[in-house]
Amino acid sequence: MYLFLSILLSVILGYFLFAMGPIVGGILAFGIIAGSLFRGIYLLNDVRKRIATISPDANVQEQMQERAHEIVPEHLQSPTAYKKYLEAKQ
């Protein structure tokens, strides 16, 4: 029902913007779209901040980088170790 109401209100708003003329209607339509986009960005930023404070692992990227050394074999962690590995393999 909420979706239908949103569609109906959008159609009515579009009709009024079309009836106002291209300049006034275009400016109002641009303002509505730009305002909606800015509001969406603000809400996404707010959600990100709230999740970061709630999450027990706030430094996930740092932990993943620390674990990467455990996952990657020793001979692939540095170029010199890799060269030694290739020499030993031959």
N, C-alpha and C. Protein backbone atom coordinates (compact mmCIF):
# COMPACT_ATOMS: atom_id res chain seq x y z
N MET A 1 0.83 -1.18 0.00
CA MET A 1 0.00 0.00 0.00
C MET A 1 0.88 1.26 0.00
N TYR A 2 2.00 1.22 0.75
CA TYR A 2 2.89 2.37 0.81
C TYR A 2 3.53 2.63 -0.55
N LEU A 3 3.87 1.55 -1.26
CA LEU A 3 4.45 1.69 -2.60
C LEU A 3 3.44 2.34 -3.55
N PHE A 4 2.21 1.90 -3.50
CA PHE A 4 1.17 2.47 -4.37
C PHE A 4 0.97 3.95 -4.07
N LEU A 5 0.96 4.31 -2.80
CA LEU A 5 0.80 5.71 -2.41
C LEU A 5 1.99 6.54 -2.90
N SER A 6 3.19 6.00 -2.81
CA SER A 6 4.38 6.70 -3.29
C SER A 6 4.32 6.91 -4.80
N ILE A 7 3.88 5.91 -5.53
CA ILE A 7 3.76 6.03 -6.98
C ILE A 7 2.72 7.07 -7.34
N LEU A 8 1.59 7.06 -6.66
CA LEU A 8 0.52 8.02 -6.93
C LEU A 8 0.98 9.45 -6.64
N LEU A 9 1.65 9.65 -5.52
CA LEU A 9 2.15 10.99 -5.20
C LEU A 9 3.23 11.44 -6.18
N SER A 10 4.05 10.53 -6.67
CA SER A 10 5.07 10.86 -7.66
C SER A 10 4.43 11.28 -8.98
N VAL A 11 3.37 10.61 -9.37
CA VAL A 11 2.67 10.96 -10.60
C VAL A 11 2.05 12.35 -10.47
N ILE A 12 1.45 12.63 -9.35
CA ILE A 12 0.84 13.95 -9.13
C ILE A 12 1.92 15.04 -9.13
N LEU A 13 3.03 14.78 -8.44
CA LEU A 13 4.13 15.74 -8.42
C LEU A 13 4.69 15.95 -9.82
N GLY A 14 4.85 14.89 -10.58
CA GLY A 14 5.34 15.00 -11.96
C GLY A 14 4.41 15.81 -12.82
N TYR A 15 3.12 15.64 -12.65
CA TYR A 15 2.14 16.41 -13.42
C TYR A 15 2.26 17.90 -13.09
N PHE A 16 2.37 18.24 -11.81
CA PHE A 16 2.50 19.65 -11.42
C PHE A 16 3.81 20.25 -11.93
N LEU A 17 4.90 19.47 -11.86
CA LEU A 17 6.17 19.97 -12.38
C LEU A 17 6.11 20.19 -13.88
N PHE A 18 5.43 19.31 -14.59
CA PHE A 18 5.28 19.44 -16.03
C PHE A 18 4.42 20.65 -16.37
N ALA A 19 3.40 20.90 -15.59
CA ALA A 19 2.49 22.02 -15.84
C ALA A 19 3.15 23.37 -15.54
N MET A 20 4.17 23.40 -14.70
CA MET A 20 4.83 24.66 -14.34
C MET A 20 5.72 25.20 -15.45
N GLY A 21 6.08 24.39 -16.36
CA GLY A 21 6.97 24.83 -17.44
C GLY A 21 8.34 24.21 -17.28
N PRO A 22 9.14 24.30 -18.34
CA PRO A 22 10.42 23.59 -18.32
C PRO A 22 11.44 24.20 -17.36
N ILE A 23 11.45 25.52 -17.20
CA ILE A 23 12.47 26.14 -16.35
C ILE A 23 12.16 25.90 -14.87
N VAL A 24 10.99 26.31 -14.43
CA VAL A 24 10.62 26.19 -13.02
C VAL A 24 10.51 24.71 -12.63
N GLY A 25 9.85 23.94 -13.47
CA GLY A 25 9.70 22.51 -13.19
C GLY A 25 11.03 21.79 -13.15
N GLY A 26 11.94 22.15 -14.08
CA GLY A 26 13.25 21.53 -14.11
C GLY A 26 14.07 21.87 -12.88
N ILE A 27 14.00 23.12 -12.45
CA ILE A 27 14.73 23.52 -11.25
C ILE A 27 14.19 22.81 -10.02
N LEU A 28 12.88 22.75 -9.90
CA LEU A 28 12.29 22.04 -8.75
C LEU A 28 12.60 20.55 -8.78
N ALA A 29 12.53 19.94 -9.96
CA ALA A 29 12.83 18.51 -10.08
C ALA A 29 14.29 18.24 -9.72
N PHE A 30 15.20 19.11 -10.19
CA PHE A 30 16.61 18.94 -9.84
C PHE A 30 16.82 19.09 -8.34
N GLY A 31 16.16 20.04 -7.73
CA GLY A 31 16.27 20.23 -6.28
C GLY A 31 15.76 19.03 -5.51
N ILE A 32 14.66 18.45 -5.96
CA ILE A 32 14.11 17.27 -5.28
C ILE A 32 15.07 16.09 -5.40
N ILE A 33 15.59 15.87 -6.60
CA ILE A 33 16.49 14.73 -6.82
C ILE A 33 17.81 14.92 -6.06
N ALA A 34 18.39 16.12 -6.16
CA ALA A 34 19.65 16.37 -5.46
C ALA A 34 19.47 16.29 -3.95
N GLY A 35 18.38 16.82 -3.44
CA GLY A 35 18.11 16.75 -2.00
C GLY A 35 17.95 15.31 -1.53
N SER A 36 17.27 14.50 -2.33
CA SER A 36 17.10 13.09 -1.98
C SER A 36 18.43 12.36 -1.97
N LEU A 37 19.28 12.65 -2.95
CA LEU A 37 20.60 12.00 -2.98
C LEU A 37 21.46 12.41 -1.80
N PHE A 38 21.47 13.70 -1.47
CA PHE A 38 22.26 14.15 -0.32
C PHE A 38 21.73 13.56 0.98
N ARG A 39 20.43 13.47 1.10
CA ARG A 39 19.84 12.87 2.31
C ARG A 39 20.22 11.39 2.41
N GLY A 40 20.21 10.69 1.28
CA GLY A 40 20.61 9.29 1.27
C GLY A 40 22.05 9.09 1.67
N ILE A 41 22.94 9.97 1.19
CA ILE A 41 24.35 9.89 1.56
C ILE A 41 24.52 10.15 3.05
N TYR A 42 23.79 11.14 3.57
CA TYR A 42 23.85 11.45 5.00
C TYR A 42 23.40 10.25 5.83
N LEU A 43 22.30 9.61 5.42
CA LEU A 43 21.80 8.46 6.17
C LEU A 43 22.77 7.27 6.10
N LEU A 44 23.37 7.04 4.94
CA LEU A 44 24.36 5.96 4.83
C LEU A 44 25.56 6.22 5.72
N ASN A 45 26.01 7.46 5.78
CA ASN A 45 27.13 7.81 6.65
C ASN A 45 26.75 7.62 8.12
N ASP A 46 25.53 7.97 8.48
CA ASP A 46 25.06 7.80 9.85
C ASP A 46 24.98 6.32 10.23
N VAL A 47 24.50 5.49 9.31
CA VAL A 47 24.42 4.05 9.56
C VAL A 47 25.82 3.47 9.73
N ARG A 48 26.78 3.92 8.89
CA ARG A 48 28.14 3.43 8.98
C ARG A 48 28.75 3.78 10.34
N LYS A 49 28.52 5.00 10.80
CA LYS A 49 29.06 5.41 12.10
C LYS A 49 28.45 4.59 13.23
N ARG A 50 27.15 4.34 13.17
CA ARG A 50 26.50 3.57 14.23
C ARG A 50 26.98 2.12 14.26
N ILE A 51 27.16 1.54 13.10
CA ILE A 51 27.63 0.16 13.04
C ILE A 51 29.06 0.07 13.53
N ALA A 52 29.88 1.07 13.22
CA ALA A 52 31.27 1.06 13.67
C ALA A 52 31.37 1.13 15.19
N THR A 53 30.45 1.84 15.84
CA THR A 53 30.51 1.92 17.31
C THR A 53 29.95 0.66 17.96
N ILE A 54 29.03 -0.01 17.31
CA ILE A 54 28.41 -1.21 17.87
C ILE A 54 29.31 -2.43 17.68
N SER A 55 29.99 -2.48 16.54
CA SER A 55 30.78 -3.65 16.17
C SER A 55 31.93 -3.86 17.15
N PRO A 56 32.08 -5.09 17.68
CA PRO A 56 33.20 -5.35 18.59
C PRO A 56 34.55 -5.36 17.87
N ASP A 57 34.56 -5.69 16.59
CA ASP A 57 35.79 -5.71 15.81
C ASP A 57 35.84 -4.47 14.95
N ALA A 58 36.23 -3.35 15.53
CA ALA A 58 36.23 -2.09 14.81
C ALA A 58 37.37 -2.03 13.79
N ASN A 59 38.46 -2.70 14.06
CA ASN A 59 39.61 -2.66 13.17
C ASN A 59 39.71 -3.96 12.38
N VAL A 60 38.72 -4.23 11.58
CA VAL A 60 38.67 -5.48 10.83
C VAL A 60 39.77 -5.53 9.79
N GLN A 61 40.03 -4.40 9.12
CA GLN A 61 41.06 -4.40 8.09
C GLN A 61 42.43 -4.70 8.68
N GLU A 62 42.73 -4.13 9.83
CA GLU A 62 44.02 -4.40 10.46
C GLU A 62 44.14 -5.87 10.86
N GLN A 63 43.06 -6.43 11.37
CA GLN A 63 43.10 -7.84 11.76
C GLN A 63 43.25 -8.73 10.54
N MET A 64 42.62 -8.38 9.44
CA MET A 64 42.75 -9.20 8.23
C MET A 64 44.18 -9.13 7.68
N GLN A 65 44.82 -7.97 7.78
CA GLN A 65 46.20 -7.87 7.32
C GLN A 65 47.13 -8.68 8.20
N GLU A 66 46.86 -8.71 9.50
CA GLU A 66 47.68 -9.53 10.40
C GLU A 66 47.48 -11.01 10.10
N ARG A 67 46.27 -11.41 9.82
CA ARG A 67 45.98 -12.81 9.51
C ARG A 67 46.51 -13.20 8.14
N ALA A 68 46.68 -12.24 7.24
CA ALA A 68 47.16 -12.55 5.90
C ALA A 68 48.56 -13.16 5.97
N HIS A 69 49.38 -12.71 6.92
CA HIS A 69 50.71 -13.28 7.04
C HIS A 69 50.66 -14.72 7.53
N GLU A 70 49.63 -15.05 8.27
CA GLU A 70 49.48 -16.43 8.72
C GLU A 70 49.02 -17.33 7.58
N ILE A 71 48.22 -16.79 6.68
CA ILE A 71 47.66 -17.58 5.58
C ILE A 71 48.68 -17.78 4.47
N VAL A 72 49.43 -16.72 4.13
CA VAL A 72 50.38 -16.76 3.03
C VAL A 72 51.61 -17.54 3.47
N PRO A 73 52.08 -18.48 2.66
CA PRO A 73 53.29 -19.22 3.01
C PRO A 73 54.49 -18.29 3.14
N GLU A 74 55.47 -18.72 3.91
CA GLU A 74 56.62 -17.87 4.22
C GLU A 74 57.39 -17.45 2.97
N HIS A 75 57.50 -18.35 1.99
CA HIS A 75 58.29 -18.04 0.81
C HIS A 75 57.60 -17.03 -0.11
N LEU A 76 56.34 -16.71 0.14
CA LEU A 76 55.65 -15.72 -0.69
C LEU A 76 55.48 -14.37 0.01
N GLN A 77 55.97 -14.24 1.23
CA GLN A 77 55.77 -13.00 1.98
C GLN A 77 56.74 -11.90 1.55
N SER A 78 57.92 -12.21 1.09
CA SER A 78 58.86 -11.18 0.67
C SER A 78 59.54 -11.62 -0.62
N PRO A 79 60.00 -10.68 -1.44
CA PRO A 79 60.66 -11.05 -2.69
C PRO A 79 61.95 -11.84 -2.48
N THR A 80 62.72 -11.50 -1.45
CA THR A 80 63.98 -12.23 -1.24
C THR A 80 63.71 -13.66 -0.80
N ALA A 81 62.70 -13.85 0.02
CA ALA A 81 62.36 -15.20 0.45
C ALA A 81 61.85 -16.01 -0.75
N TYR A 82 61.16 -15.36 -1.65
CA TYR A 82 60.67 -16.06 -2.84
C TYR A 82 61.82 -16.46 -3.75
N LYS A 83 62.83 -15.59 -3.88
CA LYS A 83 64.00 -15.93 -4.70
C LYS A 83 64.76 -17.11 -4.09
N LYS A 84 64.89 -17.12 -2.76
CA LYS A 84 65.53 -18.24 -2.07
C LYS A 84 64.74 -19.53 -2.29
N TYR A 85 63.43 -19.41 -2.26
CA TYR A 85 62.59 -20.57 -2.50
C TYR A 85 62.78 -21.14 -3.89
N LEU A 86 62.85 -20.24 -4.88
CA LEU A 86 63.05 -20.70 -6.26
C LEU A 86 64.41 -21.34 -6.43
N GLU A 87 65.45 -20.77 -5.80
CA GLU A 87 66.79 -21.35 -5.88
C GLU A 87 66.83 -22.72 -5.23
N ALA A 88 66.18 -22.85 -4.09
CA ALA A 88 66.16 -24.14 -3.39
C ALA A 88 65.36 -25.16 -4.17
N LYS A 89 64.36 -24.71 -4.88
CA LYS A 89 63.51 -25.63 -5.66
C LYS A 89 64.27 -26.21 -6.85
N GLN A 90 65.20 -25.43 -7.41
CA GLN A 90 65.97 -25.90 -8.57
C GLN A 90 67.06 -26.79 -8.08
